[in-house]
Protein backbone atom coordinates (compact mmCIF):
# COMPACT_ATOMS: atom_id res chain seq x y z
CA MET A 1 0.00 0.00 0.00
CA MET A 2 2.82 2.38 0.88
CA LEU A 3 4.52 1.62 -2.42
CA LEU A 4 1.34 2.59 -4.27
CA ILE A 5 1.11 5.89 -2.38
CA GLN A 6 4.77 6.68 -3.04
CA SER A 7 4.50 5.87 -6.75
CA PHE A 8 1.27 7.85 -7.23
CA PRO A 9 3.04 10.98 -8.63
CA LEU A 10 4.92 8.83 -11.13
CA ILE A 11 1.73 7.05 -12.18
CA MET A 12 -0.07 10.38 -12.66
CA PHE A 13 2.86 11.75 -14.66
CA LEU A 14 2.83 8.76 -16.98
CA LEU A 15 -0.95 8.90 -17.43
CA CYS A 16 -0.99 12.62 -18.18
CA MET A 17 2.12 12.65 -20.34
CA PRO A 18 1.41 13.49 -23.99
CA ALA A 19 1.61 10.53 -26.28
CA ASN A 20 4.24 10.55 -29.00
CA ALA A 21 1.85 9.67 -31.76
CA THR A 22 2.72 10.72 -35.24
CA LEU A 23 0.05 12.40 -37.28
CA ASP A 24 0.17 12.11 -41.04
CA SER A 25 -1.25 15.55 -41.84
CA LYS A 26 1.71 16.10 -44.17
CA GLN A 27 0.27 13.47 -46.51
CA LEU A 28 -2.82 15.61 -47.14
CA ASN A 29 -3.04 17.93 -50.11
CA SER A 30 -3.27 21.69 -49.54
CA SER A 31 -7.09 21.91 -49.44
CA GLN A 32 -7.25 18.93 -47.10
CA GLN A 33 -4.59 20.49 -44.87
CA SER A 34 -6.56 23.73 -44.68
CA SER A 35 -9.67 21.73 -43.76
CA TYR A 36 -7.64 19.83 -41.16
CA HIS A 37 -6.34 23.05 -39.60
CA SER A 38 -9.79 24.62 -39.69
CA LEU A 39 -11.39 21.63 -37.97
CA THR A 40 -8.70 21.20 -35.32
CA HIS A 41 -8.76 24.91 -34.42
CA GLU A 42 -12.56 25.22 -34.36
CA LEU A 43 -13.34 22.05 -32.38
CA ARG A 44 -12.77 21.63 -28.65
CA CYS A 45 -10.95 18.77 -27.03
CA PRO A 46 -13.56 16.72 -25.11
CA SER A 47 -11.20 16.12 -22.16
CA CYS A 48 -9.32 19.45 -21.91
CA PRO A 49 -11.34 22.47 -20.79
CA ASN A 50 -11.14 25.38 -23.24
CA GLN A 51 -8.49 23.87 -25.48
CA SER A 52 -8.87 23.24 -29.16
CA LEU A 53 -7.93 19.94 -30.73
CA ALA A 54 -4.93 21.68 -32.30
CA ASP A 55 -3.62 22.81 -28.90
CA SER A 56 -4.36 19.65 -26.96
CA HIS A 57 -2.00 16.71 -26.58
CA SER A 58 -4.38 14.41 -24.73
CA MET A 59 -4.96 10.90 -26.01
CA ILE A 60 -8.53 11.63 -27.14
CA ALA A 61 -7.39 14.75 -29.02
CA LEU A 62 -4.71 12.74 -30.81
CA ASP A 63 -7.28 10.07 -31.66
CA LEU A 64 -9.70 12.69 -33.00
CA LYS A 65 -6.94 14.26 -35.09
CA LYS A 66 -6.21 10.83 -36.57
CA VAL A 67 -9.92 10.35 -37.31
CA ILE A 68 -10.07 13.74 -39.03
CA ILE A 69 -6.98 12.96 -41.11
CA GLN A 70 -8.34 9.56 -42.13
CA GLN A 71 -11.73 10.99 -43.09
CA LEU A 72 -10.08 13.75 -45.10
CA LYS A 73 -7.99 11.12 -46.87
CA ASP A 74 -11.25 9.29 -47.62
CA LYS A 75 -12.44 12.50 -49.34
CA LYS A 76 -15.15 13.32 -46.80
CA ASP A 77 -16.40 16.89 -46.68
CA GLU A 78 -15.47 19.14 -43.76
CA LYS A 79 -19.14 19.67 -42.89
CA ILE A 80 -19.78 15.93 -42.74
CA ILE A 81 -16.76 15.37 -40.49
CA ARG A 82 -17.90 18.17 -38.19
CA LYS A 83 -21.46 16.80 -38.11
CA ASN A 84 -20.19 13.31 -37.22
CA LEU A 85 -18.02 14.63 -34.40
CA VAL A 86 -20.82 16.81 -33.04
CA SER A 87 -23.25 13.88 -33.11
CA GLN A 88 -20.71 11.73 -31.29
CA TYR A 89 -19.47 14.24 -28.68
CA GLY A 90 -22.34 16.73 -28.49
CA PRO A 91 -22.62 20.41 -29.43
CA SER A 92 -20.17 21.47 -26.70
CA ILE A 93 -17.30 20.28 -28.91
CA GLU A 94 -17.82 23.32 -31.16
CA TYR A 95 -16.39 26.70 -30.24
CA ARG A 96 -19.03 28.41 -32.38
CA PRO A 97 -22.30 26.53 -31.95
CA PRO A 98 -24.88 27.03 -34.72
CA VAL A 99 -27.87 29.31 -34.22
CA ASN A 100 -30.92 27.15 -33.50
CA LYS A 101 -33.76 26.91 -30.99
CA LYS A 102 -31.46 25.73 -28.21
CA THR A 103 -28.73 28.34 -28.74
CA TRP A 104 -30.59 31.49 -29.82
CA PHE A 105 -30.35 33.02 -26.33
CA LEU A 106 -26.61 32.37 -26.26
CA TRP A 107 -26.17 34.24 -29.55
CA PHE A 108 -28.59 37.14 -29.01
CA SER A 109 -28.38 37.80 -25.26
CA PRO A 110 -25.44 40.26 -25.60
CA PHE A 111 -27.46 42.39 -28.04
CA ILE A 112 -30.55 42.21 -25.83
CA LEU A 113 -28.51 43.28 -22.78
CA ILE A 114 -26.92 46.16 -24.70
CA CYS A 115 -30.35 47.38 -25.84
CA ILE A 116 -31.70 47.17 -22.28
CA GLY A 117 -28.66 49.13 -21.05
CA ILE A 118 -29.15 51.84 -23.71
CA ILE A 119 -32.85 52.14 -22.83
CA CYS A 120 -32.00 52.45 -19.12
CA ILE A 121 -29.38 55.13 -19.80
CA ILE A 122 -31.83 57.12 -21.99
CA ARG A 123 -34.57 56.93 -19.32
CA ILE A 124 -32.19 58.00 -16.54
CA ARG A 125 -30.89 60.94 -18.59
CA ARG A 126 -34.45 62.02 -19.42
CA ARG A 127 -35.43 61.94 -15.73
CA HIS A 128 -32.43 64.08 -14.80
CA HIS A 129 -33.18 66.45 -17.70
CA VAL A 130 -36.85 66.80 -16.66
CA ARG A 131 -35.94 67.33 -13.00
CA GLY A 132 -33.39 69.96 -14.01
CA ALA A 133 -36.07 71.90 -15.96
CA TYR A 134 -38.37 72.14 -12.92
CA ASP A 135 -35.72 72.95 -10.30
């Protein structure tokens, strides 16, 4: 038991260490490479909070990069690859979720809050202006 406790930091280091997997993105043509870079920068790593696939070195990110490369080699469209990954890992994998019924508040709430703020500022200024006219 004591040996397990003492070797815990080493075990955690080995588990969290980035894998030395080679990715064959160099074998893609230029349009496929641009699609690869677009997908890996616009999709989140499922295991790393707020890290894109391009920035992450976790095992799942490396696996997803390999999947993307293989699908691009198989001549699949970027939209189809994205749709497959979103259906598998959920909409949280996208940095820019699409506008739909579930995400409309996420997209439009900043504009709504700005409009409410402008209306409040106008009403406050009018009250001070009216009070100043009667004083």
